[in-house]
């Protein structure tokens, strides 16, 4: 996986989570997004290389390995773009699901009508 092959959905989830929780540890992010810590580390480094994130140490933290993940202006722009793409994808999935539900309802109605005993 290269920085350009991180899926839109994964970029969306990472950027959205980090925008809301900049002080989250990689372990926290992994747990929240259902990923391995190694994959989170790899993806965060890829986003940093793309210029979407900056990493800052907590100066007053007792835990000197604690970091803040700060979205850069380019990162905020990317967050908006992937949010829009993710929304379009989910809306298309929703539309397809509604069509599938209507089709299944029709099949059930048809089956119920054909299996009703003649009076």
N, C-alpha and C. Protein backbone atom coordinates (compact mmCIF):
# COMPACT_ATOMS: atom_id res chain seq x y z
N UNK A 1 0.86 -1.18 0.00
CA UNK A 1 0.00 0.00 0.00
C UNK A 1 0.90 1.24 0.00
N UNK A 2 0.74 2.08 -0.98
CA UNK A 2 1.48 3.34 -1.04
C UNK A 2 0.56 4.46 -0.59
N UNK A 3 1.09 5.65 -0.35
CA UNK A 3 0.22 6.76 0.09
C UNK A 3 -0.96 6.99 -0.84
N UNK A 4 -0.79 6.72 -2.12
CA UNK A 4 -1.87 6.94 -3.07
C UNK A 4 -2.85 5.79 -3.13
N UNK A 5 -2.55 4.66 -2.50
CA UNK A 5 -3.47 3.52 -2.58
C UNK A 5 -4.29 3.34 -1.31
N UNK A 6 -4.18 4.24 -0.36
CA UNK A 6 -5.06 4.18 0.79
C UNK A 6 -6.45 4.53 0.28
N UNK A 7 -7.41 3.67 0.53
CA UNK A 7 -8.75 3.87 -0.03
C UNK A 7 -9.37 5.17 0.47
N UNK A 8 -10.30 5.68 -0.31
CA UNK A 8 -11.02 6.89 0.08
C UNK A 8 -11.71 6.70 1.43
N UNK A 9 -12.31 5.53 1.62
CA UNK A 9 -13.02 5.28 2.88
C UNK A 9 -12.05 5.29 4.06
N UNK A 10 -10.90 4.68 3.89
CA UNK A 10 -9.92 4.65 4.98
C UNK A 10 -9.37 6.04 5.25
N UNK A 11 -9.07 6.80 4.19
CA UNK A 11 -8.62 8.19 4.38
C UNK A 11 -9.70 8.99 5.09
N UNK A 12 -10.95 8.79 4.67
CA UNK A 12 -12.07 9.49 5.32
C UNK A 12 -12.11 9.17 6.80
N UNK A 13 -12.08 7.89 7.13
CA UNK A 13 -12.19 7.48 8.54
C UNK A 13 -11.01 7.98 9.37
N UNK A 14 -9.81 7.87 8.83
CA UNK A 14 -8.63 8.34 9.56
C UNK A 14 -8.65 9.85 9.76
N UNK A 15 -8.86 10.59 8.67
CA UNK A 15 -8.83 12.05 8.78
C UNK A 15 -9.96 12.56 9.67
N UNK A 16 -11.13 11.96 9.55
CA UNK A 16 -12.26 12.36 10.38
C UNK A 16 -11.98 12.08 11.85
N UNK A 17 -11.47 10.91 12.14
CA UNK A 17 -11.19 10.54 13.53
C UNK A 17 -10.10 11.44 14.12
N UNK A 18 -9.05 11.69 13.36
CA UNK A 18 -7.95 12.52 13.87
C UNK A 18 -8.36 13.98 14.00
N UNK A 19 -9.26 14.45 13.15
CA UNK A 19 -9.75 15.82 13.29
C UNK A 19 -10.52 15.97 14.60
N UNK A 20 -11.25 14.93 14.98
CA UNK A 20 -12.03 14.96 16.21
C UNK A 20 -11.21 14.58 17.44
N UNK A 21 -10.18 13.76 17.24
CA UNK A 21 -9.37 13.25 18.36
C UNK A 21 -7.88 13.37 18.02
N UNK A 22 -7.35 14.59 17.94
CA UNK A 22 -5.94 14.74 17.53
C UNK A 22 -4.95 14.13 18.52
N UNK A 23 -5.38 13.93 19.75
CA UNK A 23 -4.47 13.37 20.75
C UNK A 23 -4.60 11.85 20.89
N UNK A 24 -5.37 11.23 19.99
CA UNK A 24 -5.54 9.77 20.06
C UNK A 24 -4.21 9.08 19.75
N UNK A 25 -3.94 8.03 20.49
CA UNK A 25 -2.75 7.23 20.20
C UNK A 25 -3.05 6.32 19.01
N UNK A 26 -1.99 5.79 18.43
CA UNK A 26 -2.19 4.85 17.33
C UNK A 26 -3.00 3.64 17.79
N UNK A 27 -2.79 3.24 19.01
CA UNK A 27 -3.56 2.11 19.56
C UNK A 27 -5.04 2.48 19.66
N UNK A 28 -5.33 3.72 20.10
CA UNK A 28 -6.72 4.19 20.17
C UNK A 28 -7.36 4.20 18.79
N UNK A 29 -6.63 4.73 17.82
CA UNK A 29 -7.15 4.80 16.45
C UNK A 29 -7.41 3.40 15.93
N UNK A 30 -6.47 2.49 16.16
CA UNK A 30 -6.62 1.11 15.70
C UNK A 30 -7.86 0.47 16.31
N UNK A 31 -8.04 0.65 17.59
CA UNK A 31 -9.19 0.07 18.28
C UNK A 31 -10.49 0.67 17.74
N UNK A 32 -10.53 1.98 17.59
CA UNK A 32 -11.74 2.67 17.14
C UNK A 32 -12.12 2.31 15.71
N UNK A 33 -11.11 2.15 14.84
CA UNK A 33 -11.39 1.88 13.43
C UNK A 33 -11.32 0.40 13.07
N UNK A 34 -11.01 -0.45 14.05
CA UNK A 34 -10.96 -1.89 13.80
C UNK A 34 -9.80 -2.30 12.90
N UNK A 35 -8.65 -1.70 13.14
CA UNK A 35 -7.45 -1.98 12.34
C UNK A 35 -6.33 -2.42 13.27
N UNK A 36 -5.28 -2.94 12.67
CA UNK A 36 -4.10 -3.26 13.46
C UNK A 36 -3.30 -1.98 13.70
N UNK A 37 -2.52 -1.97 14.76
CA UNK A 37 -1.68 -0.80 15.06
C UNK A 37 -0.66 -0.61 13.94
N UNK A 38 -0.15 -1.69 13.40
CA UNK A 38 0.82 -1.59 12.30
C UNK A 38 0.21 -0.92 11.07
N UNK A 39 -1.03 -1.27 10.74
CA UNK A 39 -1.68 -0.66 9.59
C UNK A 39 -1.95 0.82 9.85
N UNK A 40 -2.35 1.16 11.08
CA UNK A 40 -2.56 2.57 11.43
C UNK A 40 -1.25 3.33 11.29
N UNK A 41 -0.18 2.77 11.81
CA UNK A 41 1.13 3.41 11.72
C UNK A 41 1.51 3.65 10.26
N UNK A 42 1.35 2.63 9.44
CA UNK A 42 1.68 2.75 8.03
C UNK A 42 0.84 3.85 7.36
N UNK A 43 -0.47 3.85 7.61
CA UNK A 43 -1.37 4.82 6.99
C UNK A 43 -1.07 6.24 7.47
N UNK A 44 -0.81 6.39 8.76
CA UNK A 44 -0.49 7.72 9.27
C UNK A 44 0.79 8.25 8.64
N UNK A 45 1.79 7.39 8.52
CA UNK A 45 3.03 7.81 7.87
C UNK A 45 2.79 8.19 6.41
N UNK A 46 1.91 7.46 5.73
CA UNK A 46 1.58 7.78 4.35
C UNK A 46 0.89 9.14 4.26
N UNK A 47 -0.03 9.41 5.21
CA UNK A 47 -0.72 10.70 5.21
C UNK A 47 0.23 11.85 5.55
N UNK A 48 1.20 11.56 6.40
CA UNK A 48 2.22 12.57 6.73
C UNK A 48 3.06 12.86 5.49
N UNK A 49 3.48 11.81 4.77
CA UNK A 49 4.28 11.99 3.56
C UNK A 49 3.53 12.76 2.48
N UNK A 50 2.20 12.60 2.43
CA UNK A 50 1.39 13.33 1.47
C UNK A 50 1.16 14.78 1.90
N UNK A 51 1.58 15.11 3.12
CA UNK A 51 1.40 16.47 3.60
C UNK A 51 0.02 16.75 4.18
N UNK A 52 -0.71 15.69 4.53
CA UNK A 52 -2.06 15.85 5.06
C UNK A 52 -2.08 15.94 6.57
N UNK A 53 -1.05 15.43 7.21
CA UNK A 53 -0.94 15.44 8.67
C UNK A 53 0.42 15.95 9.09
N UNK A 54 0.44 16.58 10.26
CA UNK A 54 1.69 16.90 10.93
C UNK A 54 1.63 16.23 12.29
N UNK A 55 2.78 15.87 12.80
CA UNK A 55 2.86 15.23 14.10
C UNK A 55 3.59 16.17 15.04
N UNK A 56 3.02 16.36 16.22
CA UNK A 56 3.66 17.20 17.23
C UNK A 56 3.70 16.43 18.54
N UNK A 57 4.80 16.59 19.27
CA UNK A 57 4.90 15.99 20.60
C UNK A 57 4.15 16.86 21.61
N UNK A 58 3.55 16.19 22.59
CA UNK A 58 3.00 16.92 23.74
C UNK A 58 4.18 17.44 24.54
N UNK A 59 4.27 18.72 24.74
CA UNK A 59 5.40 19.26 25.50
C UNK A 59 5.23 19.03 26.99
N UNK A 60 4.02 19.14 27.49
CA UNK A 60 3.78 19.03 28.92
C UNK A 60 3.31 17.64 29.34
N UNK A 61 3.44 16.68 28.44
CA UNK A 61 2.96 15.34 28.74
C UNK A 61 3.99 14.58 29.58
N UNK A 62 3.51 13.79 30.51
CA UNK A 62 4.39 12.89 31.27
C UNK A 62 4.86 11.76 30.36
N UNK A 63 4.04 11.45 29.37
CA UNK A 63 4.38 10.41 28.40
C UNK A 63 5.05 11.08 27.21
N UNK A 64 6.37 11.03 27.15
CA UNK A 64 7.12 11.74 26.12
C UNK A 64 6.92 11.15 24.73
N UNK A 65 6.27 9.99 24.64
CA UNK A 65 6.00 9.43 23.32
C UNK A 65 4.59 9.78 22.85
N UNK A 66 3.90 10.68 23.56
CA UNK A 66 2.56 11.08 23.18
C UNK A 66 2.64 12.13 22.07
N UNK A 67 1.77 11.99 21.08
CA UNK A 67 1.78 12.87 19.93
C UNK A 67 0.41 13.48 19.69
N UNK A 68 0.42 14.60 19.00
CA UNK A 68 -0.79 15.20 18.45
C UNK A 68 -0.72 15.03 16.95
N UNK A 69 -1.81 14.57 16.35
CA UNK A 69 -1.89 14.47 14.90
C UNK A 69 -2.74 15.64 14.43
N UNK A 70 -2.11 16.57 13.74
CA UNK A 70 -2.77 17.81 13.33
C UNK A 70 -2.95 17.80 11.82
N UNK A 71 -4.20 17.99 11.38
CA UNK A 71 -4.45 18.09 9.95
C UNK A 71 -3.88 19.40 9.43
N UNK A 72 -3.17 19.32 8.33
CA UNK A 72 -2.64 20.50 7.68
C UNK A 72 -3.78 21.14 6.88
N UNK A 73 -3.60 22.36 6.39
CA UNK A 73 -4.64 22.94 5.51
C UNK A 73 -4.97 22.00 4.34
N UNK A 74 -3.94 21.40 3.79
CA UNK A 74 -4.17 20.42 2.71
C UNK A 74 -4.93 19.20 3.24
N UNK A 75 -4.66 18.82 4.49
CA UNK A 75 -5.36 17.70 5.11
C UNK A 75 -6.84 18.01 5.31
N UNK A 76 -7.15 19.24 5.71
CA UNK A 76 -8.56 19.64 5.85
C UNK A 76 -9.26 19.60 4.50
N UNK A 77 -8.57 20.08 3.47
CA UNK A 77 -9.14 20.05 2.12
C UNK A 77 -9.39 18.61 1.69
N UNK A 78 -8.43 17.75 1.95
CA UNK A 78 -8.57 16.33 1.61
C UNK A 78 -9.73 15.71 2.40
N UNK A 79 -9.87 16.08 3.66
CA UNK A 79 -10.97 15.57 4.48
C UNK A 79 -12.31 15.94 3.87
N UNK A 80 -12.44 17.17 3.42
CA UNK A 80 -13.69 17.60 2.77
C UNK A 80 -13.91 16.79 1.49
N UNK A 81 -12.87 16.62 0.69
CA UNK A 81 -13.00 15.88 -0.57
C UNK A 81 -13.38 14.42 -0.34
N UNK A 82 -12.70 13.75 0.59
CA UNK A 82 -13.02 12.34 0.81
C UNK A 82 -14.37 12.19 1.52
N UNK A 83 -14.77 13.18 2.31
CA UNK A 83 -16.10 13.13 2.92
C UNK A 83 -17.15 13.19 1.83
N UNK A 84 -16.97 14.09 0.87
CA UNK A 84 -17.90 14.20 -0.24
C UNK A 84 -17.94 12.90 -1.04
N UNK A 85 -16.79 12.33 -1.35
CA UNK A 85 -16.73 11.08 -2.11
C UNK A 85 -17.37 9.94 -1.32
N UNK A 86 -17.10 9.89 -0.02
CA UNK A 86 -17.67 8.84 0.83
C UNK A 86 -19.19 8.99 0.89
N UNK A 87 -19.66 10.22 1.00
CA UNK A 87 -21.11 10.46 1.03
C UNK A 87 -21.75 10.02 -0.28
N UNK A 88 -21.14 10.37 -1.40
CA UNK A 88 -21.68 9.94 -2.70
C UNK A 88 -21.74 8.42 -2.80
N UNK A 89 -20.69 7.75 -2.34
CA UNK A 89 -20.66 6.30 -2.37
C UNK A 89 -21.77 5.71 -1.51
N UNK A 90 -21.92 6.22 -0.30
CA UNK A 90 -22.94 5.69 0.61
C UNK A 90 -24.35 5.98 0.10
N UNK A 91 -24.55 7.15 -0.54
CA UNK A 91 -25.86 7.45 -1.10
C UNK A 91 -26.18 6.50 -2.26
N UNK A 92 -25.20 6.19 -3.09
CA UNK A 92 -25.40 5.24 -4.18
C UNK A 92 -25.70 3.86 -3.62
N UNK A 93 -24.98 3.45 -2.58
CA UNK A 93 -25.25 2.16 -1.94
C UNK A 93 -26.67 2.14 -1.37
N UNK A 94 -27.08 3.24 -0.76
CA UNK A 94 -28.43 3.34 -0.19
C UNK A 94 -29.47 3.21 -1.30
N UNK A 95 -29.28 3.94 -2.40
CA UNK A 95 -30.23 3.86 -3.52
C UNK A 95 -30.33 2.44 -4.05
N UNK A 96 -29.18 1.77 -4.19
CA UNK A 96 -29.18 0.37 -4.65
C UNK A 96 -29.90 -0.53 -3.65
N UNK A 97 -29.69 -0.28 -2.38
CA UNK A 97 -30.34 -1.08 -1.34
C UNK A 97 -31.85 -0.88 -1.36
N UNK A 98 -32.31 0.36 -1.53
CA UNK A 98 -33.75 0.64 -1.61
C UNK A 98 -34.35 -0.12 -2.79
N UNK A 99 -33.68 -0.10 -3.94
CA UNK A 99 -34.17 -0.83 -5.13
C UNK A 99 -34.25 -2.32 -4.84
N UNK A 100 -33.22 -2.85 -4.21
CA UNK A 100 -33.19 -4.28 -3.89
C UNK A 100 -34.31 -4.65 -2.92
N UNK A 101 -34.56 -3.80 -1.93
CA UNK A 101 -35.64 -4.05 -0.97
C UNK A 101 -36.99 -4.06 -1.69
N UNK A 102 -37.22 -3.09 -2.56
CA UNK A 102 -38.48 -3.04 -3.31
C UNK A 102 -38.65 -4.28 -4.18
N UNK A 103 -37.58 -4.72 -4.81
CA UNK A 103 -37.62 -5.94 -5.63
C UNK A 103 -37.99 -7.15 -4.77
N UNK A 104 -37.35 -7.25 -3.60
CA UNK A 104 -37.63 -8.38 -2.71
C UNK A 104 -39.06 -8.34 -2.18
N UNK A 105 -39.54 -7.14 -1.85
CA UNK A 105 -40.93 -7.02 -1.40
C UNK A 105 -41.89 -7.48 -2.49
N UNK A 106 -41.60 -7.11 -3.74
CA UNK A 106 -42.42 -7.54 -4.87
C UNK A 106 -42.43 -9.05 -5.01
N UNK A 107 -41.26 -9.66 -4.85
CA UNK A 107 -41.17 -11.12 -4.93
C UNK A 107 -41.96 -11.79 -3.82
N UNK A 108 -41.89 -11.22 -2.61
CA UNK A 108 -42.63 -11.78 -1.48
C UNK A 108 -44.13 -11.65 -1.73
N UNK A 109 -44.57 -10.47 -2.19
CA UNK A 109 -46.01 -10.28 -2.49
C UNK A 109 -46.47 -11.26 -3.56
N UNK A 110 -45.65 -11.41 -4.58
CA UNK A 110 -46.00 -12.32 -5.67
C UNK A 110 -46.09 -13.75 -5.16
N UNK A 111 -45.17 -14.14 -4.29
CA UNK A 111 -45.16 -15.47 -3.73
C UNK A 111 -46.39 -15.68 -2.84
N UNK A 112 -46.73 -14.68 -2.03
CA UNK A 112 -47.90 -14.77 -1.15
C UNK A 112 -49.18 -14.90 -1.96
N UNK A 113 -49.28 -14.15 -3.05
CA UNK A 113 -50.48 -14.20 -3.89
C UNK A 113 -50.61 -15.55 -4.59
N UNK A 114 -49.49 -16.09 -5.04
CA UNK A 114 -49.54 -17.36 -5.77
C UNK A 114 -49.73 -18.54 -4.84
N UNK A 115 -49.42 -18.37 -3.55
CA UNK A 115 -49.57 -19.50 -2.63
C UNK A 115 -50.85 -19.42 -1.82
N UNK A 116 -51.71 -18.41 -2.05
CA UNK A 116 -52.98 -18.32 -1.34
C UNK A 116 -53.92 -19.40 -1.88
N UNK A 117 -54.57 -20.12 -0.97
CA UNK A 117 -55.51 -21.17 -1.43
C UNK A 117 -56.72 -20.55 -2.12
N UNK A 118 -57.20 -21.19 -3.15
CA UNK A 118 -58.39 -20.72 -3.87
C UNK A 118 -59.62 -20.93 -3.00
N UNK A 119 -60.49 -19.96 -2.94
CA UNK A 119 -61.69 -20.06 -2.09
C UNK A 119 -62.88 -20.42 -2.91
